[in-house]
């Protein structure tokens, strides 16, 4: 699974691609809300995802970073 962070947020806010469909992704978004984790699962179109990558709103995390996030959970 590939994990991304959102521009303007700490690495405590991240998105993981859970599954890939024909024209969209199933994504899991984790947000740190003052020490409380808020987790949502949603669909994101591939066009929207590509726009987020192109504009820098999403940045891919290095492969070792998601493991560190999971270990701290």
PDB file of N, CA and C in Angstrom:
ATOM      1  N   UNK A   1       0.830  -1.188   0.000  1.00  0.00           N
ATOM      2  CA  UNK A   1       0.000   0.000   0.000  1.00  0.00           C
ATOM      3  C   UNK A   1       0.873   1.249   0.000  1.00  0.00           C
ATOM      4  N   UNK A   2       0.456   2.240  -0.734  1.00  0.00           N
ATOM      5  CA  UNK A   2       1.187   3.496  -0.806  1.00  0.00           C
ATOM      6  C   UNK A   2       0.541   4.497   0.151  1.00  0.00           C
ATOM      7  N   UNK A   3       1.398   5.231   0.861  1.00  0.00           N
ATOM      8  CA  UNK A   3       0.907   6.190   1.844  1.00  0.00           C
ATOM      9  C   UNK A   3       1.388   7.588   1.476  1.00  0.00           C
ATOM     10  N   UNK A   4       0.507   8.566   1.666  1.00  0.00           N
ATOM     11  CA  UNK A   4       0.765   9.956   1.290  1.00  0.00           C
ATOM     12  C   UNK A   4       0.421  10.880   2.454  1.00  0.00           C
ATOM     13  N   UNK A   5       1.094  12.028   2.509  1.00  0.00           N
ATOM     14  CA  UNK A   5       0.744  13.064   3.481  1.00  0.00           C
ATOM     15  C   UNK A   5       0.106  14.227   2.746  1.00  0.00           C
ATOM     16  N   UNK A   6      -0.627  15.031   3.494  1.00  0.00           N
ATOM     17  CA  UNK A   6      -1.292  16.208   2.947  1.00  0.00           C
ATOM     18  C   UNK A   6      -0.431  17.442   3.177  1.00  0.00           C
ATOM     19  N   UNK A   7      -0.306  18.291   2.178  1.00  0.00           N
ATOM     20  CA  UNK A   7       0.443  19.536   2.318  1.00  0.00           C
ATOM     21  C   UNK A   7      -0.223  20.397   3.390  1.00  0.00           C
ATOM     22  N   UNK A   8       0.605  20.991   4.231  1.00  0.00           N
ATOM     23  CA  UNK A   8       0.089  21.892   5.253  1.00  0.00           C
ATOM     24  C   UNK A   8      -0.275  21.202   6.548  1.00  0.00           C
ATOM     25  N   UNK A   9      -0.199  19.888   6.599  1.00  0.00           N
ATOM     26  CA  UNK A   9      -0.501  19.145   7.821  1.00  0.00           C
ATOM     27  C   UNK A   9       0.743  18.391   8.257  1.00  0.00           C
ATOM     28  N   UNK A  10       0.766  18.028   9.515  1.00  0.00           N
ATOM     29  CA  UNK A  10       1.881  17.231  10.018  1.00  0.00           C
ATOM     30  C   UNK A  10       1.777  15.814   9.452  1.00  0.00           C
ATOM     31  N   UNK A  11       2.776  15.010   9.717  1.00  0.00           N
ATOM     32  CA  UNK A  11       2.734  13.618   9.257  1.00  0.00           C
ATOM     33  C   UNK A  11       1.739  12.796  10.065  1.00  0.00           C
ATOM     34  N   UNK A  12       1.003  13.439  10.970  1.00  0.00           N
ATOM     35  CA  UNK A  12      -0.047  12.743  11.705  1.00  0.00           C
ATOM     36  C   UNK A  12      -1.342  12.694  10.906  1.00  0.00           C
ATOM     37  N   UNK A  13      -1.371  13.350   9.752  1.00  0.00           N
ATOM     38  CA  UNK A  13      -2.495  13.293   8.826  1.00  0.00           C
ATOM     39  C   UNK A  13      -1.974  12.597   7.564  1.00  0.00           C
ATOM     40  N   UNK A  14      -2.520  11.441   7.256  1.00  0.00           N
ATOM     41  CA  UNK A  14      -2.026  10.740   6.069  1.00  0.00           C
ATOM     42  C   UNK A  14      -3.129   9.931   5.405  1.00  0.00           C
ATOM     43  N   UNK A  15      -2.867   9.544   4.167  1.00  0.00           N
ATOM     44  CA  UNK A  15      -3.817   8.789   3.370  1.00  0.00           C
ATOM     45  C   UNK A  15      -3.118   7.572   2.780  1.00  0.00           C
ATOM     46  N   UNK A  16      -3.769   6.429   2.849  1.00  0.00           N
ATOM     47  CA  UNK A  16      -3.242   5.193   2.287  1.00  0.00           C
ATOM     48  C   UNK A  16      -4.195   4.681   1.220  1.00  0.00           C
ATOM     49  N   UNK A  17      -3.647   4.279   0.089  1.00  0.00           N
ATOM     50  CA  UNK A  17      -4.467   3.665  -0.957  1.00  0.00           C
ATOM     51  C   UNK A  17      -4.683   2.211  -0.566  1.00  0.00           C
ATOM     52  N   UNK A  18      -5.945   1.850  -0.360  1.00  0.00           N
ATOM     53  CA  UNK A  18      -6.304   0.507   0.084  1.00  0.00           C
ATOM     54  C   UNK A  18      -6.557  -0.411  -1.107  1.00  0.00           C
ATOM     55  N   UNK A  19      -7.203   0.131  -2.147  1.00  0.00           N
ATOM     56  CA  UNK A  19      -7.548  -0.679  -3.315  1.00  0.00           C
ATOM     57  C   UNK A  19      -7.643   0.236  -4.534  1.00  0.00           C
ATOM     58  N   UNK A  20      -7.384  -0.331  -5.692  1.00  0.00           N
ATOM     59  CA  UNK A  20      -7.486   0.416  -6.945  1.00  0.00           C
ATOM     60  C   UNK A  20      -8.608  -0.174  -7.780  1.00  0.00           C
ATOM     61  N   UNK A  21      -9.524   0.672  -8.207  1.00  0.00           N
ATOM     62  CA  UNK A  21     -10.627   0.274  -9.068  1.00  0.00           C
ATOM     63  C   UNK A  21     -10.365   0.819 -10.468  1.00  0.00           C
ATOM     64  N   UNK A  22     -11.294   0.639 -11.385  1.00  0.00           N
ATOM     65  CA  UNK A  22     -11.092   1.085 -12.767  1.00  0.00           C
ATOM     66  C   UNK A  22     -10.780   2.570 -12.870  1.00  0.00           C
ATOM     67  N   UNK A  23     -11.593   3.403 -12.227  1.00  0.00           N
ATOM     68  CA  UNK A  23     -11.414   4.842 -12.366  1.00  0.00           C
ATOM     69  C   UNK A  23     -11.293   5.571 -11.030  1.00  0.00           C
ATOM     70  N   UNK A  24     -11.041   4.802  -9.966  1.00  0.00           N
ATOM     71  CA  UNK A  24     -10.932   5.421  -8.647  1.00  0.00           C
ATOM     72  C   UNK A  24     -10.082   4.571  -7.715  1.00  0.00           C
ATOM     73  N   UNK A  25      -9.836   5.123  -6.541  1.00  0.00           N
ATOM     74  CA  UNK A  25      -9.117   4.423  -5.485  1.00  0.00           C
ATOM     75  C   UNK A  25     -10.010   4.355  -4.253  1.00  0.00           C
ATOM     76  N   UNK A  26      -9.845   3.304  -3.472  1.00  0.00           N
ATOM     77  CA  UNK A  26     -10.407   3.261  -2.131  1.00  0.00           C
ATOM     78  C   UNK A  26      -9.277   3.735  -1.231  1.00  0.00           C
ATOM     79  N   UNK A  27      -9.524   4.788  -0.452  1.00  0.00           N
ATOM     80  CA  UNK A  27      -8.470   5.375   0.370  1.00  0.00           C
ATOM     81  C   UNK A  27      -8.888   5.368   1.838  1.00  0.00           C
ATOM     82  N   UNK A  28      -7.891   5.241   2.693  1.00  0.00           N
ATOM     83  CA  UNK A  28      -8.081   5.316   4.143  1.00  0.00           C
ATOM     84  C   UNK A  28      -7.363   6.577   4.604  1.00  0.00           C
ATOM     85  N   UNK A  29      -8.098   7.499   5.188  1.00  0.00           N
ATOM     86  CA  UNK A  29      -7.533   8.764   5.640  1.00  0.00           C
ATOM     87  C   UNK A  29      -7.505   8.763   7.167  1.00  0.00           C
ATOM     88  N   UNK A  30      -6.329   9.035   7.730  1.00  0.00           N
ATOM     89  CA  UNK A  30      -6.164   9.086   9.174  1.00  0.00           C
ATOM     90  C   UNK A  30      -5.772  10.500   9.552  1.00  0.00           C
ATOM     91  N   UNK A  31      -6.535  11.083  10.487  1.00  0.00           N
ATOM     92  CA  UNK A  31      -6.253  12.434  10.970  1.00  0.00           C
ATOM     93  C   UNK A  31      -6.060  12.390  12.473  1.00  0.00           C
ATOM     94  N   UNK A  32      -5.080  13.132  12.948  1.00  0.00           N
ATOM     95  CA  UNK A  32      -4.854  13.269  14.389  1.00  0.00           C
ATOM     96  C   UNK A  32      -5.648  14.480  14.862  1.00  0.00           C
ATOM     97  N   UNK A  33      -6.632  14.260  15.684  1.00  0.00           N
ATOM     98  CA  UNK A  33      -7.485  15.331  16.201  1.00  0.00           C
ATOM     99  C   UNK A  33      -7.176  15.517  17.691  1.00  0.00           C
ATOM    100  N   UNK A  34      -6.031  16.140  17.964  1.00  0.00           N
ATOM    101  CA  UNK A  34      -5.657  16.399  19.349  1.00  0.00           C
ATOM    102  C   UNK A  34      -5.423  15.142  20.155  1.00  0.00           C
ATOM    103  N   UNK A  35      -4.748  14.189  19.568  1.00  0.00           N
ATOM    104  CA  UNK A  35      -4.456  12.933  20.244  1.00  0.00           C
ATOM    105  C   UNK A  35      -5.479  11.837  19.984  1.00  0.00           C
ATOM    106  N   UNK A  36      -6.582  12.162  19.348  1.00  0.00           N
ATOM    107  CA  UNK A  36      -7.609  11.185  19.001  1.00  0.00           C
ATOM    108  C   UNK A  36      -7.561  10.961  17.498  1.00  0.00           C
ATOM    109  N   UNK A  37      -7.441   9.697  17.093  1.00  0.00           N
ATOM    110  CA  UNK A  37      -7.376   9.378  15.666  1.00  0.00           C
ATOM    111  C   UNK A  37      -8.763   9.347  15.057  1.00  0.00           C
ATOM    112  N   UNK A  38      -8.915  10.032  13.936  1.00  0.00           N
ATOM    113  CA  UNK A  38     -10.143   9.981  13.159  1.00  0.00           C
ATOM    114  C   UNK A  38      -9.816   9.247  11.863  1.00  0.00           C
ATOM    115  N   UNK A  39     -10.457   8.111  11.620  1.00  0.00           N
ATOM    116  CA  UNK A  39     -10.171   7.282  10.447  1.00  0.00           C
ATOM    117  C   UNK A  39     -11.419   7.217   9.571  1.00  0.00           C
ATOM    118  N   UNK A  40     -11.239   7.523   8.284  1.00  0.00           N
ATOM    119  CA  UNK A  40     -12.340   7.413   7.330  1.00  0.00           C
ATOM    120  C   UNK A  40     -11.865   6.616   6.118  1.00  0.00           C
ATOM    121  N   UNK A  41     -12.781   5.898   5.523  1.00  0.00           N
ATOM    122  CA  UNK A  41     -12.510   5.174   4.278  1.00  0.00           C
ATOM    123  C   UNK A  41     -13.461   5.742   3.234  1.00  0.00           C
ATOM    124  N   UNK A  42     -12.900   6.062   2.066  1.00  0.00           N
ATOM    125  CA  UNK A  42     -13.706   6.727   1.049  1.00  0.00           C
ATOM    126  C   UNK A  42     -13.180   6.375  -0.338  1.00  0.00           C
ATOM    127  N   UNK A  43     -13.889   6.851  -1.369  1.00  0.00           N
ATOM    128  CA  UNK A  43     -13.453   6.704  -2.747  1.00  0.00           C
ATOM    129  C   UNK A  43     -12.844   8.021  -3.210  1.00  0.00           C
ATOM    130  N   UNK A  44     -11.812   7.936  -4.052  1.00  0.00           N
ATOM    131  CA  UNK A  44     -11.219   9.125  -4.668  1.00  0.00           C
ATOM    132  C   UNK A  44     -10.991   8.807  -6.144  1.00  0.00           C
ATOM    133  N   UNK A  45     -11.486   9.671  -7.010  1.00  0.00           N
ATOM    134  CA  UNK A  45     -11.290   9.432  -8.440  1.00  0.00           C
ATOM    135  C   UNK A  45      -9.801   9.534  -8.776  1.00  0.00           C
ATOM    136  N   UNK A  46      -9.412   8.826  -9.808  1.00  0.00           N
ATOM    137  CA  UNK A  46      -8.010   8.886 -10.233  1.00  0.00           C
ATOM    138  C   UNK A  46      -7.654  10.273 -10.742  1.00  0.00           C
ATOM    139  N   UNK A  47      -8.617  10.965 -11.371  1.00  0.00           N
ATOM    140  CA  UNK A  47      -8.373  12.335 -11.834  1.00  0.00           C
ATOM    141  C   UNK A  47      -8.072  13.262 -10.662  1.00  0.00           C
ATOM    142  N   UNK A  48      -8.868  13.171  -9.601  1.00  0.00           N
ATOM    143  CA  UNK A  48      -8.639  14.008  -8.425  1.00  0.00           C
ATOM    144  C   UNK A  48      -7.296  13.671  -7.778  1.00  0.00           C
ATOM    145  N   UNK A  49      -6.999  12.382  -7.655  1.00  0.00           N
ATOM    146  CA  UNK A  49      -5.723  11.959  -7.087  1.00  0.00           C
ATOM    147  C   UNK A  49      -4.558  12.523  -7.908  1.00  0.00           C
ATOM    148  N   UNK A  50      -4.631  12.396  -9.228  1.00  0.00           N
ATOM    149  CA  UNK A  50      -3.572  12.922 -10.094  1.00  0.00           C
ATOM    150  C   UNK A  50      -3.406  14.436  -9.925  1.00  0.00           C
ATOM    151  N   UNK A  51      -4.519  15.153  -9.792  1.00  0.00           N
ATOM    152  CA  UNK A  51      -4.448  16.598  -9.556  1.00  0.00           C
ATOM    153  C   UNK A  51      -3.777  16.909  -8.226  1.00  0.00           C
ATOM    154  N   UNK A  52      -4.106  16.159  -7.186  1.00  0.00           N
ATOM    155  CA  UNK A  52      -3.481  16.367  -5.876  1.00  0.00           C
ATOM    156  C   UNK A  52      -1.977  16.127  -5.927  1.00  0.00           C
ATOM    157  N   UNK A  53      -1.542  15.113  -6.662  1.00  0.00           N
ATOM    158  CA  UNK A  53      -0.104  14.830  -6.803  1.00  0.00           C
ATOM    159  C   UNK A  53       0.563  15.937  -7.613  1.00  0.00           C
ATOM    160  N   UNK A  54      -0.041  16.320  -8.715  1.00  0.00           N
ATOM    161  CA  UNK A  54       0.543  17.334  -9.597  1.00  0.00           C
ATOM    162  C   UNK A  54       0.698  18.683  -8.895  1.00  0.00           C
ATOM    163  N   UNK A  55      -0.278  19.050  -8.073  1.00  0.00           N
ATOM    164  CA  UNK A  55      -0.227  20.344  -7.397  1.00  0.00           C
ATOM    165  C   UNK A  55       0.551  20.312  -6.092  1.00  0.00           C
ATOM    166  N   UNK A  56       0.957  19.116  -5.662  1.00  0.00           N
ATOM    167  CA  UNK A  56       1.724  19.006  -4.425  1.00  0.00           C
ATOM    168  C   UNK A  56       0.876  18.926  -3.172  1.00  0.00           C
ATOM    169  N   UNK A  57      -0.451  18.805  -3.320  1.00  0.00           N
ATOM    170  CA  UNK A  57      -1.316  18.681  -2.145  1.00  0.00           C
ATOM    171  C   UNK A  57      -1.063  17.363  -1.423  1.00  0.00           C
ATOM    172  N   UNK A  58      -0.714  16.309  -2.190  1.00  0.00           N
ATOM    173  CA  UNK A  58      -0.326  15.019  -1.620  1.00  0.00           C
ATOM    174  C   UNK A  58       1.129  14.747  -1.950  1.00  0.00           C
ATOM    175  N   UNK A  59       1.862  14.204  -0.973  1.00  0.00           N
ATOM    176  CA  UNK A  59       3.256  13.800  -1.182  1.00  0.00           C
ATOM    177  C   UNK A  59       3.423  12.374  -0.678  1.00  0.00           C
ATOM    178  N   UNK A  60       4.095  11.553  -1.476  1.00  0.00           N
ATOM    179  CA  UNK A  60       4.306  10.154  -1.094  1.00  0.00           C
ATOM    180  C   UNK A  60       5.299  10.077   0.054  1.00  0.00           C
ATOM    181  N   UNK A  61       4.970   9.240   1.027  1.00  0.00           N
ATOM    182  CA  UNK A  61       5.886   9.002   2.141  1.00  0.00           C
ATOM    183  C   UNK A  61       6.910   7.958   1.742  1.00  0.00           C
ATOM    184  N   UNK A  62       8.136   8.048   2.274  1.00  0.00           N
ATOM    185  CA  UNK A  62       9.111   6.989   2.028  1.00  0.00           C
ATOM    186  C   UNK A  62       8.594   5.655   2.566  1.00  0.00           C
ATOM    187  N   UNK A  63       9.075   4.552   2.021  1.00  0.00           N
ATOM    188  CA  UNK A  63       8.575   3.219   2.374  1.00  0.00           C
ATOM    189  C   UNK A  63       8.693   2.927   3.865  1.00  0.00           C
ATOM    190  N   UNK A  64       9.722   3.425   4.536  1.00  0.00           N
ATOM    191  CA  UNK A  64       9.899   3.111   5.949  1.00  0.00           C
ATOM    192  C   UNK A  64       8.968   3.924   6.847  1.00  0.00           C
ATOM    193  N   UNK A  65       8.455   5.033   6.399  1.00  0.00           N
ATOM    194  CA  UNK A  65       7.615   5.902   7.224  1.00  0.00           C
ATOM    195  C   UNK A  65       6.288   5.244   7.614  1.00  0.00           C
ATOM    196  N   UNK A  66       5.534   4.568   6.704  1.00  0.00           N
ATOM    197  CA  UNK A  66       4.283   3.942   7.127  1.00  0.00           C
ATOM    198  C   UNK A  66       4.493   2.905   8.229  1.00  0.00           C
ATOM    199  N   UNK A  67       5.583   2.174   8.182  1.00  0.00           N
ATOM    200  CA  UNK A  67       5.862   1.191   9.231  1.00  0.00           C
ATOM    201  C   UNK A  67       6.037   1.875  10.575  1.00  0.00           C
ATOM    202  N   UNK A  68       6.690   3.047  10.566  1.00  0.00           N
ATOM    203  CA  UNK A  68       6.869   3.808  11.801  1.00  0.00           C
ATOM    204  C   UNK A  68       5.529   4.314  12.316  1.00  0.00           C
ATOM    205  N   UNK A  69       4.641   4.735  11.413  1.00  0.00           N
ATOM    206  CA  UNK A  69       3.322   5.213  11.813  1.00  0.00           C
ATOM    207  C   UNK A  69       2.521   4.080  12.441  1.00  0.00           C
ATOM    208  N   UNK A  70       2.572   2.894  11.841  1.00  0.00           N
ATOM    209  CA  UNK A  70       1.839   1.757  12.365  1.00  0.00           C
ATOM    210  C   UNK A  70       2.377   1.332  13.724  1.00  0.00           C
ATOM    211  N   UNK A  71       3.685   1.438  13.907  1.00  0.00           N
ATOM    212  CA  UNK A  71       4.288   1.037  15.181  1.00  0.00           C
ATOM    213  C   UNK A  71       3.889   1.968  16.309  1.00  0.00           C
ATOM    214  N   UNK A  72       3.628   3.229  15.994  1.00  0.00           N
ATOM    215  CA  UNK A  72       3.268   4.187  17.028  1.00  0.00           C
ATOM    216  C   UNK A  72       1.783   4.174  17.352  1.00  0.00           C
ATOM    217  N   UNK A  73       1.008   3.462  16.550  1.00  0.00           N
ATOM    218  CA  UNK A  73      -0.466   3.421  16.769  1.00  0.00           C
ATOM    219  C   UNK A  73      -0.844   2.461  17.864  1.00  0.00           C
TER     220      UNK A  73
END
